[in-house]
Protein backbone atom coordinates (compact mmCIF):
# COMPACT_ATOMS: atom_id res chain seq x y z
CA UNK A 1 8.31 8.74 -70.38
CA UNK A 2 10.05 12.10 -70.98
CA UNK A 3 12.28 10.56 -73.64
CA UNK A 4 9.19 9.15 -75.37
CA UNK A 5 7.52 12.59 -75.37
CA UNK A 6 10.69 14.22 -76.75
CA UNK A 7 10.93 11.56 -79.46
CA UNK A 8 7.27 12.15 -80.29
CA UNK A 9 7.71 15.92 -80.61
CA UNK A 10 10.81 15.51 -82.77
CA UNK A 11 8.76 13.71 -85.41
CA UNK A 12 7.23 16.06 -87.98
CA UNK A 13 4.38 13.64 -88.63
CA UNK A 14 3.46 13.61 -84.94
CA UNK A 15 3.53 17.40 -84.63
CA UNK A 16 1.34 17.88 -87.72
CA UNK A 17 -1.10 15.18 -86.55
CA UNK A 18 -1.22 16.66 -83.05
CA UNK A 19 -1.93 20.15 -84.41
CA UNK A 20 -4.80 18.82 -86.56
CA UNK A 21 -6.40 16.84 -83.73
CA UNK A 22 -6.00 19.62 -81.15
CA UNK A 23 -7.45 22.19 -83.58
CA UNK A 24 -10.53 20.03 -84.20
CA UNK A 25 -10.97 19.38 -80.48
CA UNK A 26 -10.69 23.11 -79.70
CA UNK A 27 -13.24 23.84 -82.44
CA UNK A 28 -15.66 21.37 -80.84
CA UNK A 29 -14.96 22.69 -77.36
CA UNK A 30 -15.64 26.31 -78.33
CA UNK A 31 -18.64 25.51 -80.54
CA UNK A 32 -20.96 27.89 -78.62
CA UNK A 33 -18.55 30.76 -79.41
CA UNK A 34 -17.69 29.83 -83.01
CA UNK A 35 -21.27 28.95 -83.99
CA UNK A 36 -23.69 30.55 -81.51
CA UNK A 37 -26.75 29.85 -83.67
CA UNK A 38 -28.83 26.72 -83.23
CA UNK A 39 -27.55 24.18 -85.81
CA UNK A 40 -31.12 22.96 -86.35
CA UNK A 41 -32.53 26.45 -87.00
CA UNK A 42 -33.56 27.55 -90.48
CA UNK A 43 -31.38 30.54 -91.32
CA UNK A 44 -31.36 30.76 -95.11
CA UNK A 45 -32.68 29.50 -98.41
CA UNK A 46 -32.55 25.86 -99.43
CA UNK A 47 -29.12 24.70 -100.65
CA UNK A 48 -27.62 28.18 -100.66
CA UNK A 49 -23.95 28.00 -101.81
CA UNK A 50 -21.10 29.24 -99.63
CA UNK A 51 -21.19 32.99 -99.16
CA UNK A 52 -20.14 35.67 -96.67
CA UNK A 53 -23.26 35.13 -94.57
CA UNK A 54 -23.00 31.33 -94.74
CA UNK A 55 -19.35 30.38 -95.23
CA UNK A 56 -20.16 26.69 -95.80
CA UNK A 57 -23.55 27.14 -97.42
CA UNK A 58 -26.90 25.82 -96.25
CA UNK A 59 -28.70 22.47 -96.32
CA UNK A 60 -31.96 21.65 -98.09
CA UNK A 61 -33.80 22.73 -94.94
CA UNK A 62 -31.96 26.05 -94.93
CA UNK A 63 -29.74 25.17 -91.97
CA UNK A 64 -26.25 26.61 -91.71
CA UNK A 65 -23.68 23.94 -92.66
CA UNK A 66 -20.90 25.63 -90.69
CA UNK A 67 -22.95 25.52 -87.46
CA UNK A 68 -23.80 21.88 -88.08
CA UNK A 69 -20.16 21.08 -88.87
CA UNK A 70 -18.88 22.71 -85.66
CA UNK A 71 -21.58 21.27 -83.39
CA UNK A 72 -21.41 17.90 -85.15
CA UNK A 73 -17.72 17.72 -84.29
CA UNK A 74 -18.68 17.73 -80.61
CA UNK A 75 -20.74 14.56 -80.81
CA UNK A 76 -18.54 12.75 -83.36
CA UNK A 77 -15.28 13.44 -81.52
CA UNK A 78 -16.81 12.75 -78.10
CA UNK A 79 -18.19 9.38 -79.21
CA UNK A 80 -14.95 8.53 -81.02
CA UNK A 81 -12.60 9.38 -78.16
CA UNK A 82 -14.81 7.94 -75.40
CA UNK A 83 -15.40 4.71 -77.33
CA UNK A 84 -11.72 4.43 -78.26
CA UNK A 85 -10.68 4.83 -74.62
CA UNK A 86 -13.21 2.22 -73.49
CA UNK A 87 -12.10 -0.23 -76.21
CA UNK A 88 -8.45 0.27 -75.25
CA UNK A 89 -9.03 -0.12 -71.50
CA UNK A 90 -11.17 -3.24 -71.94
CA UNK A 91 -8.79 -4.86 -74.43
CA UNK A 92 -5.74 -4.00 -72.31
CA UNK A 93 -7.22 -5.45 -69.11
CA UNK A 94 -8.30 -8.67 -70.83
CA UNK A 95 -4.95 -9.03 -72.59
CA UNK A 96 -2.98 -8.39 -69.39
CA UNK A 97 -5.07 -10.87 -67.39
CA UNK A 98 -4.83 -13.62 -69.98
CA UNK A 99 -1.14 -13.10 -70.75
CA UNK A 100 0.05 -12.83 -67.17
CA UNK A 101 -2.01 -15.46 -65.34
CA UNK A 102 -2.10 -18.00 -68.18
CA UNK A 103 -3.69 -21.43 -67.62
CA UNK A 104 -7.46 -21.62 -67.40
CA UNK A 105 -7.84 -17.84 -67.21
CA UNK A 106 -5.95 -17.41 -70.46
CA UNK A 107 -7.88 -20.22 -72.15
CA UNK A 108 -11.27 -18.72 -71.24
CA UNK A 109 -10.32 -15.17 -72.21
CA UNK A 110 -8.64 -16.36 -75.41
CA UNK A 111 -11.75 -18.33 -76.38
CA UNK A 112 -13.92 -15.26 -75.74
CA UNK A 113 -11.55 -13.06 -77.73
CA UNK A 114 -11.49 -15.44 -80.70
CA UNK A 115 -15.27 -15.79 -80.62
CA UNK A 116 -15.76 -12.02 -80.93
CA UNK A 117 -12.83 -11.63 -83.31
CA UNK A 118 -14.17 -13.94 -86.02
CA UNK A 119 -17.47 -12.05 -86.25
CA UNK A 120 -17.38 -9.29 -88.94
CA UNK A 121 -17.67 -6.04 -87.00
CA UNK A 122 -19.54 -3.77 -89.40
CA UNK A 123 -22.26 -6.34 -90.30
CA UNK A 124 -22.63 -7.13 -86.58
CA UNK A 125 -22.94 -3.41 -85.79
CA UNK A 126 -25.62 -3.02 -88.46
CA UNK A 127 -27.48 -6.10 -87.15
CA UNK A 128 -27.43 -4.88 -83.54
CA UNK A 129 -28.42 -1.37 -84.55
CA UNK A 130 -31.31 -2.69 -86.67
CA UNK A 131 -32.67 -4.59 -83.65
CA UNK A 132 -32.29 -1.51 -81.46
CA UNK A 133 -33.94 0.77 -84.03
CA UNK A 134 -32.95 4.44 -83.88
CA UNK A 135 -30.05 4.64 -81.42
CA UNK A 136 -28.41 7.58 -79.70
CA UNK A 137 -24.71 8.27 -79.08
CA UNK A 138 -24.58 6.21 -75.87
CA UNK A 139 -26.08 3.14 -77.55
CA UNK A 140 -23.71 3.54 -80.52
CA UNK A 141 -20.76 3.77 -78.12
CA UNK A 142 -21.86 0.59 -76.33
CA UNK A 143 -22.40 -1.35 -79.57
CA UNK A 144 -19.01 -0.36 -81.02
CA UNK A 145 -17.07 -0.85 -77.77
CA UNK A 146 -18.47 -4.30 -76.98
CA UNK A 147 -17.63 -5.63 -80.45
CA UNK A 148 -14.25 -4.00 -81.14
CA UNK A 149 -11.93 -4.82 -78.21
CA UNK A 150 -10.44 -8.19 -79.34
CA UNK A 151 -7.67 -6.74 -81.55
CA UNK A 152 -6.21 -4.76 -78.69
CA UNK A 153 -6.60 -7.72 -76.34
CA UNK A 154 -4.67 -10.01 -78.71
CA UNK A 155 -1.79 -7.56 -79.08
CA UNK A 156 -1.59 -6.91 -75.34
CA UNK A 157 -1.76 -10.62 -74.53
CA UNK A 158 1.09 -11.50 -76.90
CA UNK A 159 3.36 -8.81 -75.46
CA UNK A 160 2.46 -9.76 -71.89
CA UNK A 161 3.35 -13.39 -72.61
CA UNK A 162 6.76 -12.18 -73.81
CA UNK A 163 7.30 -10.03 -70.69
CA UNK A 164 6.02 -12.23 -67.89
CA UNK A 165 9.17 -14.39 -67.81
CA UNK A 166 11.63 -11.51 -68.08
CA UNK A 167 14.20 -11.04 -65.31
CA UNK A 168 12.59 -7.99 -63.72
CA UNK A 169 9.21 -9.72 -63.48
CA UNK A 170 10.76 -12.87 -61.97
CA UNK A 171 12.66 -10.69 -59.48
CA UNK A 172 9.42 -8.92 -58.50
CA UNK A 173 7.76 -12.30 -57.84
CA UNK A 174 10.72 -13.46 -55.76
CA UNK A 175 10.56 -10.43 -53.46
CA UNK A 176 6.86 -11.11 -52.87
CA UNK A 177 5.22 -8.30 -54.83
CA UNK A 178 1.46 -8.86 -55.33
CA UNK A 179 0.22 -9.79 -58.77
CA UNK A 180 -1.66 -6.53 -59.29
CA UNK A 181 1.50 -4.52 -58.68
CA UNK A 182 3.56 -6.70 -61.02
CA UNK A 183 0.97 -6.28 -63.75
CA UNK A 184 0.38 -2.54 -63.41
CA UNK A 185 3.81 -1.35 -62.23
CA UNK A 186 6.29 -3.76 -63.85
CA UNK A 187 4.58 -4.93 -67.06
CA UNK A 188 2.12 -2.18 -68.03
CA UNK A 189 4.70 0.66 -68.46
CA UNK A 190 6.53 -1.48 -71.04
CA UNK A 191 3.30 -1.71 -73.05
CA UNK A 192 2.58 2.03 -73.24
CA UNK A 193 3.69 2.50 -76.90
CA UNK A 194 1.54 -0.48 -77.90
CA UNK A 195 -1.41 0.83 -75.87
CA UNK A 196 -1.06 4.27 -77.47
CA UNK A 197 -1.05 2.60 -80.88
CA UNK A 198 -4.19 0.67 -79.98
CA UNK A 199 -5.88 3.80 -78.60
CA UNK A 200 -5.35 5.86 -81.75
CA UNK A 201 -6.50 3.01 -83.99
CA UNK A 202 -9.59 2.45 -81.84
CA UNK A 203 -10.55 6.13 -81.98
CA UNK A 204 -10.29 6.16 -85.77
CA UNK A 205 -12.35 2.98 -86.03
CA UNK A 206 -14.99 4.29 -83.61
CA UNK A 207 -15.47 7.52 -85.57
CA UNK A 208 -15.74 5.65 -88.87
CA UNK A 209 -18.12 3.05 -87.38
CA UNK A 210 -20.34 5.73 -85.85
CA UNK A 211 -20.46 7.64 -89.13
CA UNK A 212 -21.31 4.43 -91.01
CA UNK A 213 -24.20 3.58 -88.71
CA UNK A 214 -25.61 7.10 -88.82
CA UNK A 215 -25.17 7.37 -92.58
CA UNK A 216 -27.19 4.16 -92.96
CA UNK A 217 -29.98 5.70 -90.89
CA UNK A 218 -29.52 3.95 -87.54
CA UNK A 219 -28.60 7.11 -85.65
CA UNK A 220 -30.87 9.75 -84.16
CA UNK A 221 -31.57 12.20 -87.03
CA UNK A 222 -32.25 14.99 -84.51
CA UNK A 223 -28.75 14.66 -83.07
CA UNK A 224 -26.30 16.74 -85.12
CA UNK A 225 -23.17 14.74 -85.98
CA UNK A 226 -21.04 14.36 -89.09
CA UNK A 227 -22.79 11.04 -89.74
CA UNK A 228 -26.31 12.52 -89.58
CA UNK A 229 -25.14 15.40 -91.79
CA UNK A 230 -24.19 12.85 -94.45
CA UNK A 231 -27.48 10.98 -93.91
CA UNK A 232 -29.56 14.15 -94.37
CA UNK A 233 -27.48 15.20 -97.40
CA UNK A 234 -28.09 11.82 -99.00
CA UNK A 235 -31.84 12.04 -98.38
CA UNK A 236 -31.94 15.52 -99.91
CA UNK A 237 -30.01 14.37 -103.02
CA UNK A 238 -27.35 17.00 -102.41
CA UNK A 239 -24.95 15.63 -105.01
CA UNK A 240 -27.65 15.39 -107.70
CA UNK A 241 -28.74 19.02 -107.26
CA UNK A 242 -25.11 20.22 -107.08
CA UNK A 243 -24.98 21.07 -103.38
CA UNK A 244 -21.50 19.59 -102.97
CA UNK A 245 -20.81 21.59 -99.79
CA UNK A 246 -23.54 19.68 -97.94
CA UNK A 247 -21.47 16.49 -98.21
CA UNK A 248 -17.97 17.95 -98.51
CA UNK A 249 -17.91 19.55 -95.05
CA UNK A 250 -18.62 16.44 -92.90
CA UNK A 251 -16.37 14.38 -95.18
CA UNK A 252 -13.58 16.93 -94.68
CA UNK A 253 -13.99 16.69 -90.91
CA UNK A 254 -13.76 12.89 -90.96
CA UNK A 255 -10.76 12.98 -93.30
CA UNK A 256 -8.94 15.56 -91.17
CA UNK A 257 -9.41 13.72 -87.89
CA UNK A 258 -8.44 10.46 -89.58
CA UNK A 259 -5.35 12.10 -91.07
CA UNK A 260 -4.27 13.63 -87.78
CA UNK A 261 -4.74 10.44 -85.81
CA UNK A 262 -3.06 8.36 -88.52
CA UNK A 263 0.03 10.57 -88.41
CA UNK A 264 0.16 10.07 -84.65
CA UNK A 265 -0.41 6.36 -85.20
CA UNK A 266 2.58 6.11 -87.54
CA UNK A 267 4.76 7.81 -84.95
CA UNK A 268 3.62 5.53 -82.13
CA UNK A 269 4.34 2.59 -84.42
CA UNK A 270 7.89 3.83 -84.95
CA UNK A 271 8.37 4.26 -81.19
CA UNK A 272 7.04 0.76 -80.50
CA UNK A 273 9.12 -0.75 -83.31
CA UNK A 274 12.52 0.98 -83.63
CA UNK A 275 13.29 -1.02 -86.79
CA UNK A 276 10.83 1.23 -88.64
CA UNK A 277 13.16 4.15 -87.95
CA UNK A 278 16.06 2.42 -89.71
CA UNK A 279 15.18 4.01 -93.05
CA UNK A 280 15.78 7.65 -92.00
CA UNK A 281 18.75 6.62 -89.89
CA UNK A 282 20.29 4.77 -92.82
CA UNK A 283 19.83 7.80 -95.08
CA UNK A 284 21.49 10.05 -92.50
CA UNK A 285 24.38 7.58 -92.18
CA UNK A 286 24.89 7.44 -95.96
CA UNK A 287 24.68 11.23 -96.24
CA UNK A 288 27.27 11.60 -93.47
CA UNK A 289 29.60 9.11 -95.16
CA UNK A 290 29.31 10.94 -98.49
CA UNK A 291 30.09 14.21 -96.76
CA UNK A 292 33.18 12.70 -95.11
CA UNK A 293 34.32 11.24 -98.44
CA UNK A 294 34.07 14.67 -100.07
CA UNK A 295 36.05 16.20 -97.22
CA UNK A 296 38.80 13.59 -97.64
CA UNK A 297 38.93 14.24 -101.39
CA UNK A 298 39.21 17.97 -100.77
CA UNK A 299 42.03 17.42 -98.21
CA UNK A 300 44.06 15.44 -100.77
């Protein structure tokens, strides 16, 4: 575990991604301090451009975009992280159960996974949201989580199938360890890089899916999120009237959190698959050989 953390912190991509994500989370956490005004309050003229009094401008209703951006980060990040964690936990448990126990259990869980997997997620999300009408954050979390776990379950199942007949697992069975301990103590730690990869990908997908649903009008317009900011900006024709800041700010938030998590995702992928690190290692090896060749030439 410590070696994995050290490897993570040695990667520039991971450090940059971690700084971005932590900064956004701290901004959302300290929203009452950074933006003490009510994000739904009218504080200025309609579509006022960025200025000293309103650093990110105002909306058509005269609301401060900066306050909405900071408070919207709270809901968007909370839904994204909570949904991503739920997707990862559900997919990991199903994948572990199917991969380790095999037989009928694996057949049933694999059939369920394939049945959900073949259904297009975004159209299904739109269909479910249209039946539910205007939905809040909890309903959006439930809709996304219950339709997005199969990818993680498939990856976890395939790795569990590869691990269940390894020597250390067979030895644990021979000494009489219970199945739950074999799964969670012997197999699960070997899947942590894969689970981290799945978690980051699920968070990114959850934030994008939530924003998509809210942008299409299925979210609660009274709840301030980056998705509802885009929905209100579209309805007020912000681009047509030249109020670019009304759309640019929530888009910047989504891009930044996606960038930060993607950089972390790339690093987790390199940890899970050491072959991806062969490129930098090969370059270092070639550079070292060239340096040694120059030293030999100089010695002659």
